[in-house]
């Protein structure tokens, strides 16, 4: 059963892991993943030597509607000619009547890189012969630009790479989409309006100048991780890429296999470790790990240029931990149901419910408490066991114990233990019960009545008939969990238990089914018919105790006659007591206890007891 549960647990783990692996493999929730990672970008300085000459609204309003006369572009190039490199992010794919001046200007300059485009594998170069690079950018599924492809065509480099090559800078050779490390929000680079570049003195010496459109109506703007609701122009995105080349700080992200491995590790930690802890430990540890992962992701981004996954890894920790906790809870619930079923064999359902509801009252160790202790035993069980085959004996004993145990539980008693054929039970423990003595006696009376019904069945089956004796005593005892740390039982110890056990043994001598002590009698006298039976001094005890016969269907007239004779007996009036007991025998001729007192009175008439005799009969046996 345990192996089956363990196998099921592993199946759940691998089912969840397979689901995660599938989601990662198909790039599911890419929008959410990218949006979470976007929070890592920004708040970094931009290079001061990169300058953007912007074709903005102000320039269009002042210099004329777009597209401009190409003579104007020639003039703009001459104004920025002092720059180290000039990147022109403007498409010149078709000839114009005014190309002569621009063509001549470009031929006189060797520091210009112009824009090309790749559309469905076809390269569109500018009509003017000069170095060019393609300006294509990649948009993710959510419409945000985070990457560019450095290998669209082998015969041309990306625009920013071409600019870097003009600067004699090495460019990355890895042919995979590059993750752009956006330094800051839009308009963070130095931006000079084209109209100002044409009309006002500007210093471009040793600068890298990128000329491009920033006017919204020219539709060359994109949402980027640092946008925060504001689009970034294409030319500024190329400025960010160029900065990444110069600083060699493009970003890296985990591969699909690496992310699956991270999920596996996080899942195993959550499922097999954290989920096994108590909930008040599991929750803060999980939160601490999530916080630590977040902090580590920020550090990894800033120091190692690594974009951590902020969806699947944390989700794996939460979901696997939650699944593990759910399984652990389910197992605990099953275990609790098992324990409830097992414990219900010892205490009543009502008491068990109260125990579970007030579990804080149960403490390790012991506490002193007034309890009512019950002992019952089968008469001559050894002789009966010798007459029956083992399997028949076991069936008979189980039938008896099942009935009697059920009646203990019915009246909210706790079955402490079975000692062979004997039953020990407690009332008023582990939970308090003001009616403990009454319930113990009620259970005892019911057991005697139920035994009579069993006896009729046994007689009909031809099996030996069982008889029992029950002893009940109320007193102080230490109750609690007794034993070692590895194994213990809930039980009671103390003199009260010994007296209850010896009281049960006395039922054999007096020939009655139930004997209760004086302490129990005072708690139940208004509820039951009780016959004062005798005063005895049990072996090993200094003080005598009064015994009472808890009557089951005993005639009141007999009880009255017996008690009157017993009072005379205690007063040492043995002659009158003898007459009284003989009268009681006429009312109930088979009463063993009455016959016993007839014999004692006859003995004391011949040999009177000592002067200090208090009426107690000393028992020589336990």
Foldseek 3Di string as FASTA:
>chain_A
DVVVLVVVLVVVLVVVLVVLLVCLVVVHPVVVQVLVLLVLAAPFAADQQEEEAAQAPVVCVVQHHPPDQVVLVLLLCVLQLQALAEEEADAQQDDDPRCPSVLVSQVVHQRYEYEWAADPLDIGDHPRDHHYAYLDFDADPVFATFWRFQPSDPVHGHRLVSNVVSVVADADDDGDIWGFRDHHEAPNHHYHYSVCSNPPRDDNHHGYYYYDYDYVVVPQWGHYSRHPPHTHGSSVSSSSVNRCRVVVQIAAEDDSVRVSVLLSVLLCCQQVPLLPDPPVRSVVVLVVVLVVVVVVQSCCCVPVRYRYRNPRNNVSNVVSNVVNNVSVVVVVVVVVVVVLVVQCLFAAPVLSVVCVVPVVLADADWDKDKKKKKKKAWPPLVVQVVVDDPVVSVVVLCVLCVVLSVLCRVLGWGFQDCDPSMTMIMFCPPHGDLCRLVSVLVSLLVSQVVLVVVQVVCVVVVGDRIAMAMFMEIDMWIWHWDDDPVDTGTDTDDPRNVVRVVRRVCCVQFVARYKYWPVSCVSCVVPFDKAFQFWAAEPPHDDITTMIGGDHPDDVVLSVLLNVLLVCVQVVVLVVSLVSLVVSCVVPVPGNSSVVSNVVSVVCVVPPDDPPDRRYHYDPHD
